[in-house]
Amino acid sequence: MMGVNPECTRTQFETNLEETVVNSSNLVLVCDPGKGVCKKKKADVMQKRRLAANARERRRMNSLNVAFDRLRQVVPSVGNDRKLSKYETLQLAQNYICALVELMEK
């Protein structure tokens, strides 16, 4: 099933990062510009893989957000009128750690 396909020319690779063509047999032609090859895959298999990848990404982002929430709880902040951004949380955590190190060195 793998190999160079005349339908996937170098100009297609240069203009499109990924070219997909769906035909009547529910197969999808996926051209990979990095390797210069095209693969035929079933559309339902690709959809299941995409859904699984999306679910993994949602879990990863949820885990990251939980970690930031925990960090916000332990880092002292000036006011509690709004939730700190991720960047602000990291900056405060960095400053707090530096202050604790200075305190330990005294």
PDB file of N, CA and C in Angstrom:
ATOM      1  N   MET A   1       0.804  -1.191   0.000  1.00  0.00           N
ATOM      2  CA  MET A   1       0.000   0.000   0.000  1.00  0.00           C
ATOM      3  C   MET A   1       0.853   1.264   0.000  1.00  0.00           C
ATOM      4  N   MET A   2       2.088   1.185   0.519  1.00  0.00           N
ATOM      5  CA  MET A   2       2.926   2.366   0.552  1.00  0.00           C
ATOM      6  C   MET A   2       3.756   2.464  -0.712  1.00  0.00           C
ATOM      7  N   GLY A   3       4.066   3.655  -1.096  1.00  0.00           N
ATOM      8  CA  GLY A   3       4.919   3.863  -2.246  1.00  0.00           C
ATOM      9  C   GLY A   3       4.671   5.221  -2.851  1.00  0.00           C
ATOM     10  N   VAL A   4       5.491   5.569  -3.791  1.00  0.00           N
ATOM     11  CA  VAL A   4       5.335   6.856  -4.459  1.00  0.00           C
ATOM     12  C   VAL A   4       4.164   6.759  -5.414  1.00  0.00           C
ATOM     13  N   ASN A   5       3.300   7.709  -5.358  1.00  0.00           N
ATOM     14  CA  ASN A   5       2.108   7.725  -6.182  1.00  0.00           C
ATOM     15  C   ASN A   5       2.235   8.845  -7.192  1.00  0.00           C
ATOM     16  N   PRO A   6       1.956   8.589  -8.468  1.00  0.00           N
ATOM     17  CA  PRO A   6       2.075   9.653  -9.459  1.00  0.00           C
ATOM     18  C   PRO A   6       1.108  10.803  -9.204  1.00  0.00           C
ATOM     19  N   GLU A   7       0.025  10.555  -8.445  1.00  0.00           N
ATOM     20  CA  GLU A   7      -0.910  11.627  -8.120  1.00  0.00           C
ATOM     21  C   GLU A   7      -0.300  12.631  -7.143  1.00  0.00           C
ATOM     22  N   CYS A   8       0.718  12.223  -6.418  1.00  0.00           N
ATOM     23  CA  CYS A   8       1.352  13.092  -5.425  1.00  0.00           C
ATOM     24  C   CYS A   8       2.692  13.559  -5.985  1.00  0.00           C
ATOM     25  N   THR A   9       2.680  14.658  -6.635  1.00  0.00           N
ATOM     26  CA  THR A   9       3.900  15.171  -7.240  1.00  0.00           C
ATOM     27  C   THR A   9       4.631  16.072  -6.263  1.00  0.00           C
ATOM     28  N   ARG A  10       5.852  16.414  -6.578  1.00  0.00           N
ATOM     29  CA  ARG A  10       6.664  17.276  -5.721  1.00  0.00           C
ATOM     30  C   ARG A  10       6.023  18.649  -5.561  1.00  0.00           C
ATOM     31  N   THR A  11       5.371  19.135  -6.581  1.00  0.00           N
ATOM     32  CA  THR A  11       4.726  20.445  -6.467  1.00  0.00           C
ATOM     33  C   THR A  11       3.596  20.406  -5.450  1.00  0.00           C
ATOM     34  N   GLN A  12       2.888  19.268  -5.363  1.00  0.00           N
ATOM     35  CA  GLN A  12       1.861  19.147  -4.336  1.00  0.00           C
ATOM     36  C   GLN A  12       2.494  19.192  -2.956  1.00  0.00           C
ATOM     37  N   PHE A  13       3.637  18.530  -2.799  1.00  0.00           N
ATOM     38  CA  PHE A  13       4.307  18.514  -1.510  1.00  0.00           C
ATOM     39  C   PHE A  13       4.759  19.906  -1.110  1.00  0.00           C
ATOM     40  N   GLU A  14       5.204  20.670  -2.072  1.00  0.00           N
ATOM     41  CA  GLU A  14       5.691  22.005  -1.782  1.00  0.00           C
ATOM     42  C   GLU A  14       4.565  22.969  -1.455  1.00  0.00           C
ATOM     43  N   THR A  15       3.398  22.770  -2.058  1.00  0.00           N
ATOM     44  CA  THR A  15       2.304  23.710  -1.829  1.00  0.00           C
ATOM     45  C   THR A  15       1.424  23.307  -0.658  1.00  0.00           C
ATOM     46  N   ASN A  16       1.294  22.022  -0.369  1.00  0.00           N
ATOM     47  CA  ASN A  16       0.431  21.554   0.710  1.00  0.00           C
ATOM     48  C   ASN A  16       1.249  20.730   1.696  1.00  0.00           C
ATOM     49  N   LEU A  17       0.998  20.961   2.977  1.00  0.00           N
ATOM     50  CA  LEU A  17       1.677  20.156   3.973  1.00  0.00           C
ATOM     51  C   LEU A  17       1.155  18.725   3.958  1.00  0.00           C
ATOM     52  N   GLU A  18      -0.130  18.581   3.771  1.00  0.00           N
ATOM     53  CA  GLU A  18      -0.700  17.243   3.682  1.00  0.00           C
ATOM     54  C   GLU A  18      -1.883  17.291   2.741  1.00  0.00           C
ATOM     55  N   GLU A  19      -1.911  16.396   1.795  1.00  0.00           N
ATOM     56  CA  GLU A  19      -2.988  16.356   0.810  1.00  0.00           C
ATOM     57  C   GLU A  19      -3.797  15.089   1.051  1.00  0.00           C
ATOM     58  N   THR A  20      -5.091  15.237   1.202  1.00  0.00           N
ATOM     59  CA  THR A  20      -5.947  14.065   1.381  1.00  0.00           C
ATOM     60  C   THR A  20      -7.017  14.059   0.303  1.00  0.00           C
ATOM     61  N   VAL A  21      -7.275  12.871  -0.212  1.00  0.00           N
ATOM     62  CA  VAL A  21      -8.297  12.692  -1.235  1.00  0.00           C
ATOM     63  C   VAL A  21      -9.155  11.511  -0.812  1.00  0.00           C
ATOM     64  N   VAL A  22     -10.461  11.711  -0.739  1.00  0.00           N
ATOM     65  CA  VAL A  22     -11.367  10.631  -0.371  1.00  0.00           C
ATOM     66  C   VAL A  22     -12.014  10.117  -1.646  1.00  0.00           C
ATOM     67  N   ASN A  23     -11.981   8.806  -1.818  1.00  0.00           N
ATOM     68  CA  ASN A  23     -12.631   8.235  -2.996  1.00  0.00           C
ATOM     69  C   ASN A  23     -13.861   7.430  -2.579  1.00  0.00           C
ATOM     70  N   SER A  24     -14.520   6.816  -3.524  1.00  0.00           N
ATOM     71  CA  SER A  24     -15.790   6.143  -3.260  1.00  0.00           C
ATOM     72  C   SER A  24     -15.639   4.886  -2.403  1.00  0.00           C
ATOM     73  N   SER A  25     -14.465   4.310  -2.313  1.00  0.00           N
ATOM     74  CA  SER A  25     -14.278   3.091  -1.521  1.00  0.00           C
ATOM     75  C   SER A  25     -13.915   3.389  -0.073  1.00  0.00           C
ATOM     76  N   ASN A  26     -14.166   4.618   0.390  1.00  0.00           N
ATOM     77  CA  ASN A  26     -13.919   5.023   1.768  1.00  0.00           C
ATOM     78  C   ASN A  26     -12.439   4.954   2.124  1.00  0.00           C
ATOM     79  N   LEU A  27     -11.574   5.087   1.139  1.00  0.00           N
ATOM     80  CA  LEU A  27     -10.148   5.160   1.386  1.00  0.00           C
ATOM     81  C   LEU A  27      -9.700   6.607   1.276  1.00  0.00           C
ATOM     82  N   VAL A  28      -8.716   6.958   2.078  1.00  0.00           N
ATOM     83  CA  VAL A  28      -8.172   8.308   2.052  1.00  0.00           C
ATOM     84  C   VAL A  28      -6.730   8.210   1.599  1.00  0.00           C
ATOM     85  N   LEU A  29      -6.354   9.036   0.626  1.00  0.00           N
ATOM     86  CA  LEU A  29      -4.989   9.093   0.150  1.00  0.00           C
ATOM     87  C   LEU A  29      -4.289  10.219   0.901  1.00  0.00           C
ATOM     88  N   VAL A  30      -3.296   9.869   1.715  1.00  0.00           N
ATOM     89  CA  VAL A  30      -2.581  10.855   2.520  1.00  0.00           C
ATOM     90  C   VAL A  30      -1.163  10.968   1.995  1.00  0.00           C
ATOM     91  N   CYS A  31      -0.782  12.171   1.569  1.00  0.00           N
ATOM     92  CA  CYS A  31       0.556  12.409   1.048  1.00  0.00           C
ATOM     93  C   CYS A  31       1.406  13.043   2.131  1.00  0.00           C
ATOM     94  N   ASP A  32       2.568  12.478   2.378  1.00  0.00           N
ATOM     95  CA  ASP A  32       3.490  12.982   3.389  1.00  0.00           C
ATOM     96  C   ASP A  32       4.606  13.748   2.694  1.00  0.00           C
ATOM     97  N   PRO A  33       4.666  15.068   2.870  1.00  0.00           N
ATOM     98  CA  PRO A  33       5.677  15.851   2.166  1.00  0.00           C
ATOM     99  C   PRO A  33       7.094  15.558   2.632  1.00  0.00           C
ATOM    100  N   GLY A  34       7.262  15.158   3.862  1.00  0.00           N
ATOM    101  CA  GLY A  34       8.601  14.880   4.372  1.00  0.00           C
ATOM    102  C   GLY A  34       9.234  13.652   3.752  1.00  0.00           C
ATOM    103  N   LYS A  35       8.422  12.635   3.507  1.00  0.00           N
ATOM    104  CA  LYS A  35       8.940  11.378   2.975  1.00  0.00           C
ATOM    105  C   LYS A  35       8.729  11.252   1.478  1.00  0.00           C
ATOM    106  N   GLY A  36       7.848  12.049   0.923  1.00  0.00           N
ATOM    107  CA  GLY A  36       7.584  11.974  -0.514  1.00  0.00           C
ATOM    108  C   GLY A  36       6.806  10.750  -0.916  1.00  0.00           C
ATOM    109  N   VAL A  37       5.977  10.241  -0.003  1.00  0.00           N
ATOM    110  CA  VAL A  37       5.169   9.064  -0.309  1.00  0.00           C
ATOM    111  C   VAL A  37       3.711   9.334   0.022  1.00  0.00           C
ATOM    112  N   CYS A  38       2.852   8.512  -0.555  1.00  0.00           N
ATOM    113  CA  CYS A  38       1.427   8.579  -0.270  1.00  0.00           C
ATOM    114  C   CYS A  38       0.989   7.237   0.302  1.00  0.00           C
ATOM    115  N   LYS A  39       0.041   7.289   1.239  1.00  0.00           N
ATOM    116  CA  LYS A  39      -0.487   6.073   1.835  1.00  0.00           C
ATOM    117  C   LYS A  39      -1.998   6.076   1.667  1.00  0.00           C
ATOM    118  N   LYS A  40      -2.549   4.887   1.503  1.00  0.00           N
ATOM    119  CA  LYS A  40      -3.995   4.744   1.483  1.00  0.00           C
ATOM    120  C   LYS A  40      -4.424   4.223   2.845  1.00  0.00           C
ATOM    121  N   LYS A  41      -5.349   4.934   3.471  1.00  0.00           N
ATOM    122  CA  LYS A  41      -5.861   4.512   4.764  1.00  0.00           C
ATOM    123  C   LYS A  41      -7.368   4.603   4.740  1.00  0.00           C
ATOM    124  N   LYS A  42      -7.995   3.799   5.571  1.00  0.00           N
ATOM    125  CA  LYS A  42      -9.449   3.871   5.683  1.00  0.00           C
ATOM    126  C   LYS A  42      -9.814   5.121   6.464  1.00  0.00           C
ATOM    127  N   ALA A  43     -10.848   5.802   6.013  1.00  0.00           N
ATOM    128  CA  ALA A  43     -11.272   7.052   6.636  1.00  0.00           C
ATOM    129  C   ALA A  43     -11.695   6.832   8.080  1.00  0.00           C
ATOM    130  N   ASP A  44     -12.379   5.718   8.367  1.00  0.00           N
ATOM    131  CA  ASP A  44     -12.841   5.481   9.736  1.00  0.00           C
ATOM    132  C   ASP A  44     -11.677   5.218  10.681  1.00  0.00           C
ATOM    133  N   VAL A  45     -10.613   4.563  10.203  1.00  0.00           N
ATOM    134  CA  VAL A  45      -9.429   4.331  11.028  1.00  0.00           C
ATOM    135  C   VAL A  45      -8.758   5.660  11.357  1.00  0.00           C
ATOM    136  N   MET A  46      -8.657   6.513  10.352  1.00  0.00           N
ATOM    137  CA  MET A  46      -8.041   7.823  10.585  1.00  0.00           C
ATOM    138  C   MET A  46      -8.881   8.651  11.548  1.00  0.00           C
ATOM    139  N   GLN A  47     -10.198   8.569  11.441  1.00  0.00           N
ATOM    140  CA  GLN A  47     -11.064   9.325  12.335  1.00  0.00           C
ATOM    141  C   GLN A  47     -10.923   8.823  13.769  1.00  0.00           C
ATOM    142  N   LYS A  48     -10.843   7.501  13.955  1.00  0.00           N
ATOM    143  CA  LYS A  48     -10.665   6.951  15.302  1.00  0.00           C
ATOM    144  C   LYS A  48      -9.328   7.379  15.895  1.00  0.00           C
ATOM    145  N   ARG A  49      -8.283   7.371  15.074  1.00  0.00           N
ATOM    146  CA  ARG A  49      -6.970   7.817  15.558  1.00  0.00           C
ATOM    147  C   ARG A  49      -6.999   9.288  15.946  1.00  0.00           C
ATOM    148  N   ARG A  50      -7.673  10.104  15.142  1.00  0.00           N
ATOM    149  CA  ARG A  50      -7.779  11.538  15.430  1.00  0.00           C
ATOM    150  C   ARG A  50      -8.552  11.766  16.719  1.00  0.00           C
ATOM    151  N   LEU A  51      -9.653  11.020  16.907  1.00  0.00           N
ATOM    152  CA  LEU A  51     -10.426  11.138  18.140  1.00  0.00           C
ATOM    153  C   LEU A  51      -9.608  10.710  19.349  1.00  0.00           C
ATOM    154  N   ALA A  52      -8.828   9.656  19.203  1.00  0.00           N
ATOM    155  CA  ALA A  52      -7.974   9.199  20.306  1.00  0.00           C
ATOM    156  C   ALA A  52      -6.901  10.233  20.619  1.00  0.00           C
ATOM    157  N   ALA A  53      -6.307  10.806  19.582  1.00  0.00           N
ATOM    158  CA  ALA A  53      -5.283  11.839  19.793  1.00  0.00           C
ATOM    159  C   ALA A  53      -5.891  13.070  20.461  1.00  0.00           C
ATOM    160  N   ASN A  54      -7.093  13.446  20.050  1.00  0.00           N
ATOM    161  CA  ASN A  54      -7.770  14.583  20.683  1.00  0.00           C
ATOM    162  C   ASN A  54      -8.049  14.308  22.156  1.00  0.00           C
ATOM    163  N   ALA A  55      -8.459  13.088  22.468  1.00  0.00           N
ATOM    164  CA  ALA A  55      -8.732  12.723  23.863  1.00  0.00           C
ATOM    165  C   ALA A  55      -7.455  12.775  24.694  1.00  0.00           C
ATOM    166  N   ARG A  56      -6.348  12.281  24.127  1.00  0.00           N
ATOM    167  CA  ARG A  56      -5.063  12.349  24.846  1.00  0.00           C
ATOM    168  C   ARG A  56      -4.651  13.786  25.098  1.00  0.00           C
ATOM    169  N   GLU A  57      -4.846  14.645  24.106  1.00  0.00           N
ATOM    170  CA  GLU A  57      -4.489  16.058  24.254  1.00  0.00           C
ATOM    171  C   GLU A  57      -5.362  16.739  25.307  1.00  0.00           C
ATOM    172  N   ARG A  58      -6.654  16.409  25.332  1.00  0.00           N
ATOM    173  CA  ARG A  58      -7.536  16.971  26.363  1.00  0.00           C
ATOM    174  C   ARG A  58      -7.093  16.548  27.750  1.00  0.00           C
ATOM    175  N   ARG A  59      -6.728  15.262  27.920  1.00  0.00           N
ATOM    176  CA  ARG A  59      -6.236  14.783  29.220  1.00  0.00           C
ATOM    177  C   ARG A  59      -4.941  15.480  29.608  1.00  0.00           C
ATOM    178  N   ARG A  60      -4.054  15.659  28.647  1.00  0.00           N
ATOM    179  CA  ARG A  60      -2.777  16.325  28.919  1.00  0.00           C
ATOM    180  C   ARG A  60      -3.006  17.762  29.369  1.00  0.00           C
ATOM    181  N   MET A  61      -3.864  18.473  28.648  1.00  0.00           N
ATOM    182  CA  MET A  61      -4.140  19.874  28.998  1.00  0.00           C
ATOM    183  C   MET A  61      -4.864  19.974  30.340  1.00  0.00           C
ATOM    184  N   ASN A  62      -5.765  19.039  30.613  1.00  0.00           N
ATOM    185  CA  ASN A  62      -6.457  19.036  31.892  1.00  0.00           C
ATOM    186  C   ASN A  62      -5.463  18.818  33.036  1.00  0.00           C
ATOM    187  N   SER A  63      -4.550  17.892  32.843  1.00  0.00           N
ATOM    188  CA  SER A  63      -3.525  17.627  33.852  1.00  0.00           C
ATOM    189  C   SER A  63      -2.639  18.852  34.074  1.00  0.00           C
ATOM    190  N   LEU A  64      -2.277  19.518  33.006  1.00  0.00           N
ATOM    191  CA  LEU A  64      -1.465  20.731  33.103  1.00  0.00           C
ATOM    192  C   LEU A  64      -2.211  21.835  33.842  1.00  0.00           C
ATOM    193  N   ASN A  65      -3.500  22.004  33.547  1.00  0.00           N
ATOM    194  CA  ASN A  65      -4.297  23.019  34.221  1.00  0.00           C
ATOM    195  C   ASN A  65      -4.470  22.717  35.709  1.00  0.00           C
ATOM    196  N   VAL A  66      -4.620  21.447  36.061  1.00  0.00           N
ATOM    197  CA  VAL A  66      -4.704  21.056  37.471  1.00  0.00           C
ATOM    198  C   VAL A  66      -3.393  21.394  38.177  1.00  0.00           C
ATOM    199  N   ALA A  67      -2.273  21.132  37.535  1.00  0.00           N
ATOM    200  CA  ALA A  67      -0.964  21.445  38.122  1.00  0.00           C
ATOM    201  C   ALA A  67      -0.809  22.950  38.335  1.00  0.00           C
ATOM    202  N   PHE A  68      -1.251  23.759  37.385  1.00  0.00           N
ATOM    203  CA  PHE A  68      -1.185  25.212  37.558  1.00  0.00           C
ATOM    204  C   PHE A  68      -2.095  25.664  38.697  1.00  0.00           C
ATOM    205  N   ASP A  69      -3.263  25.063  38.821  1.00  0.00           N
ATOM    206  CA  ASP A  69      -4.162  25.415  39.925  1.00  0.00           C
ATOM    207  C   ASP A  69      -3.513  25.100  41.272  1.00  0.00           C
ATOM    208  N   ARG A  70      -2.845  23.969  41.370  1.00  0.00           N
ATOM    209  CA  ARG A  70      -2.138  23.612  42.614  1.00  0.00           C
ATOM    210  C   ARG A  70      -1.008  24.587  42.901  1.00  0.00           C
ATOM    211  N   LEU A  71      -0.282  24.970  41.867  1.00  0.00           N
ATOM    212  CA  LEU A  71       0.813  25.924  42.036  1.00  0.00           C
ATOM    213  C   LEU A  71       0.275  27.284  42.481  1.00  0.00           C
ATOM    214  N   ARG A  72      -0.845  27.704  41.937  1.00  0.00           N
ATOM    215  CA  ARG A  72      -1.459  28.984  42.335  1.00  0.00           C
ATOM    216  C   ARG A  72      -1.830  28.984  43.813  1.00  0.00           C
ATOM    217  N   GLN A  73      -2.196  27.817  44.343  1.00  0.00           N
ATOM    218  CA  GLN A  73      -2.592  27.719  45.745  1.00  0.00           C
ATOM    219  C   GLN A  73      -1.409  27.901  46.699  1.00  0.00           C
ATOM    220  N   VAL A  74      -0.214  27.501  46.291  1.00  0.00           N
ATOM    221  CA  VAL A  74       0.927  27.557  47.207  1.00  0.00           C
ATOM    222  C   VAL A  74       1.815  28.776  47.003  1.00  0.00           C
ATOM    223  N   VAL A  75       1.700  29.443  45.872  1.00  0.00           N
ATOM    224  CA  VAL A  75       2.519  30.629  45.626  1.00  0.00           C
ATOM    225  C   VAL A  75       1.771  31.842  46.165  1.00  0.00           C
ATOM    226  N   PRO A  76       2.438  32.615  47.057  1.00  0.00           N
ATOM    227  CA  PRO A  76       1.762  33.803  47.577  1.00  0.00           C
ATOM    228  C   PRO A  76       1.575  34.853  46.489  1.00  0.00           C
ATOM    229  N   SER A  77       0.382  35.435  46.446  1.00  0.00           N
ATOM    230  CA  SER A  77       0.104  36.483  45.469  1.00  0.00           C
ATOM    231  C   SER A  77      -0.423  37.714  46.201  1.00  0.00           C
ATOM    232  N   VAL A  78      -0.358  38.854  45.543  1.00  0.00           N
ATOM    233  CA  VAL A  78      -0.734  40.127  46.157  1.00  0.00           C
ATOM    234  C   VAL A  78      -2.244  40.202  46.387  1.00  0.00           C
ATOM    235  N   GLY A  79      -3.023  39.923  45.366  1.00  0.00           N
ATOM    236  CA  GLY A  79      -4.478  40.014  45.495  1.00  0.00           C
ATOM    237  C   GLY A  79      -5.159  38.790  44.949  1.00  0.00           C
ATOM    238  N   ASN A  80      -6.338  38.532  45.437  1.00  0.00           N
ATOM    239  CA  ASN A  80      -7.101  37.369  44.967  1.00  0.00           C
ATOM    240  C   ASN A  80      -8.318  37.793  44.146  1.00  0.00           C
ATOM    241  N   ASP A  81      -8.269  38.973  43.555  1.00  0.00           N
ATOM    242  CA  ASP A  81      -9.423  39.460  42.812  1.00  0.00           C
ATOM    243  C   ASP A  81      -9.600  38.769  41.465  1.00  0.00           C
ATOM    244  N   ARG A  82      -8.538  38.180  40.922  1.00  0.00           N
ATOM    245  CA  ARG A  82      -8.650  37.455  39.652  1.00  0.00           C
ATOM    246  C   ARG A  82      -7.658  36.299  39.646  1.00  0.00           C
ATOM    247  N   LYS A  83      -7.933  35.340  38.806  1.00  0.00           N
ATOM    248  CA  LYS A  83      -7.057  34.177  38.669  1.00  0.00           C
ATOM    249  C   LYS A  83      -5.816  34.588  37.879  1.00  0.00           C
ATOM    250  N   LEU A  84      -4.644  34.196  38.380  1.00  0.00           N
ATOM    251  CA  LEU A  84      -3.396  34.522  37.686  1.00  0.00           C
ATOM    252  C   LEU A  84      -3.283  33.702  36.405  1.00  0.00           C
ATOM    253  N   SER A  85      -2.684  34.299  35.394  1.00  0.00           N
ATOM    254  CA  SER A  85      -2.425  33.563  34.157  1.00  0.00           C
ATOM    255  C   SER A  85      -1.309  32.548  34.399  1.00  0.00           C
ATOM    256  N   LYS A  86      -1.136  31.659  33.454  1.00  0.00           N
ATOM    257  CA  LYS A  86      -0.065  30.667  33.580  1.00  0.00           C
ATOM    258  C   LYS A  86       1.297  31.350  33.636  1.00  0.00           C
ATOM    259  N   TYR A  87       1.471  32.347  32.792  1.00  0.00           N
ATOM    260  CA  TYR A  87       2.736  33.081  32.766  1.00  0.00           C
ATOM    261  C   TYR A  87       2.976  33.779  34.106  1.00  0.00           C
ATOM    262  N   GLU A  88       1.960  34.458  34.611  1.00  0.00           N
ATOM    263  CA  GLU A  88       2.102  35.154  35.890  1.00  0.00           C
ATOM    264  C   GLU A  88       2.380  34.172  37.024  1.00  0.00           C
ATOM    265  N   THR A  89       1.741  33.017  36.978  1.00  0.00           N
ATOM    266  CA  THR A  89       1.956  31.993  37.992  1.00  0.00           C
ATOM    267  C   THR A  89       3.397  31.514  37.980  1.00  0.00           C
ATOM    268  N   LEU A  90       3.935  31.265  36.775  1.00  0.00           N
ATOM    269  CA  LEU A  90       5.328  30.816  36.678  1.00  0.00           C
ATOM    270  C   LEU A  90       6.298  31.899  37.137  1.00  0.00           C
ATOM    271  N   GLN A  91       6.006  33.152  36.786  1.00  0.00           N
ATOM    272  CA  GLN A  91       6.880  34.254  37.211  1.00  0.00           C
ATOM    273  C   GLN A  91       6.868  34.379  38.737  1.00  0.00           C
ATOM    274  N   LEU A  92       5.684  34.332  39.343  1.00  0.00           N
ATOM    275  CA  LEU A  92       5.597  34.413  40.799  1.00  0.00           C
ATOM    276  C   LEU A  92       6.292  33.231  41.469  1.00  0.00           C
ATOM    277  N   ALA A  93       6.121  32.041  40.918  1.00  0.00           N
ATOM    278  CA  ALA A  93       6.774  30.859  41.476  1.00  0.00           C
ATOM    279  C   ALA A  93       8.294  31.001  41.406  1.00  0.00           C
ATOM    280  N   GLN A  94       8.789  31.511  40.297  1.00  0.00           N
ATOM    281  CA  GLN A  94      10.232  31.720  40.135  1.00  0.00           C
ATOM    282  C   GLN A  94      10.740  32.731  41.161  1.00  0.00           C
ATOM    283  N   ASN A  95      10.037  33.841  41.307  1.00  0.00           N
ATOM    284  CA  ASN A  95      10.442  34.858  42.276  1.00  0.00           C
ATOM    285  C   ASN A  95      10.371  34.325  43.706  1.00  0.00           C
ATOM    286  N   TYR A  96       9.341  33.552  43.996  1.00  0.00           N
ATOM    287  CA  TYR A  96       9.168  32.978  45.329  1.00  0.00           C
ATOM    288  C   TYR A  96      10.304  32.010  45.648  1.00  0.00           C
ATOM    289  N   ILE A  97      10.666  31.179  44.701  1.00  0.00           N
ATOM    290  CA  ILE A  97      11.780  30.235  44.908  1.00  0.00           C
ATOM    291  C   ILE A  97      13.086  30.984  45.136  1.00  0.00           C
ATOM    292  N   CYS A  98      13.318  32.017  44.337  1.00  0.00           N
ATOM    293  CA  CYS A  98      14.534  32.829  44.514  1.00  0.00           C
ATOM    294  C   CYS A  98      14.562  33.483  45.876  1.00  0.00           C
ATOM    295  N   ALA A  99      13.432  33.989  46.345  1.00  0.00           N
ATOM    296  CA  ALA A  99      13.357  34.601  47.681  1.00  0.00           C
ATOM    297  C   ALA A  99      13.633  33.584  48.767  1.00  0.00           C
ATOM    298  N   LEU A 100      13.097  32.373  48.601  1.00  0.00           N
ATOM    299  CA  LEU A 100      13.345  31.320  49.591  1.00  0.00           C
ATOM    300  C   LEU A 100      14.810  30.909  49.617  1.00  0.00           C
ATOM    301  N   VAL A 101      15.454  30.866  48.445  1.00  0.00           N
ATOM    302  CA  VAL A 101      16.878  30.528  48.381  1.00  0.00           C
ATOM    303  C   VAL A 101      17.707  31.586  49.096  1.00  0.00           C
ATOM    304  N   GLU A 102      17.376  32.867  48.849  1.00  0.00           N
ATOM    305  CA  GLU A 102      18.087  33.954  49.525  1.00  0.00           C
ATOM    306  C   GLU A 102      17.907  33.883  51.028  1.00  0.00           C
ATOM    307  N   LEU A 103      16.708  33.549  51.448  1.00  0.00           N
ATOM    308  CA  LEU A 103      16.420  33.424  52.877  1.00  0.00           C
ATOM    309  C   LEU A 103      17.217  32.274  53.499  1.00  0.00           C
ATOM    310  N   MET A 104      17.364  31.199  52.774  1.00  0.00           N
ATOM    311  CA  MET A 104      18.126  30.041  53.273  1.00  0.00           C
ATOM    312  C   MET A 104      19.617  30.347  53.354  1.00  0.00           C
ATOM    313  N   GLU A 105      20.105  31.195  52.443  1.00  0.00           N
ATOM    314  CA  GLU A 105      21.542  31.519  52.426  1.00  0.00           C
ATOM    315  C   GLU A 105      21.933  32.476  53.550  1.00  0.00           C
ATOM    316  N   LYS A 106      20.992  33.200  54.126  1.00  0.00           N
ATOM    317  CA  LYS A 106      21.297  34.151  55.191  1.00  0.00           C
ATOM    318  C   LYS A 106      21.540  33.472  56.501  1.00  0.00           C
TER     319      LYS A 106
END
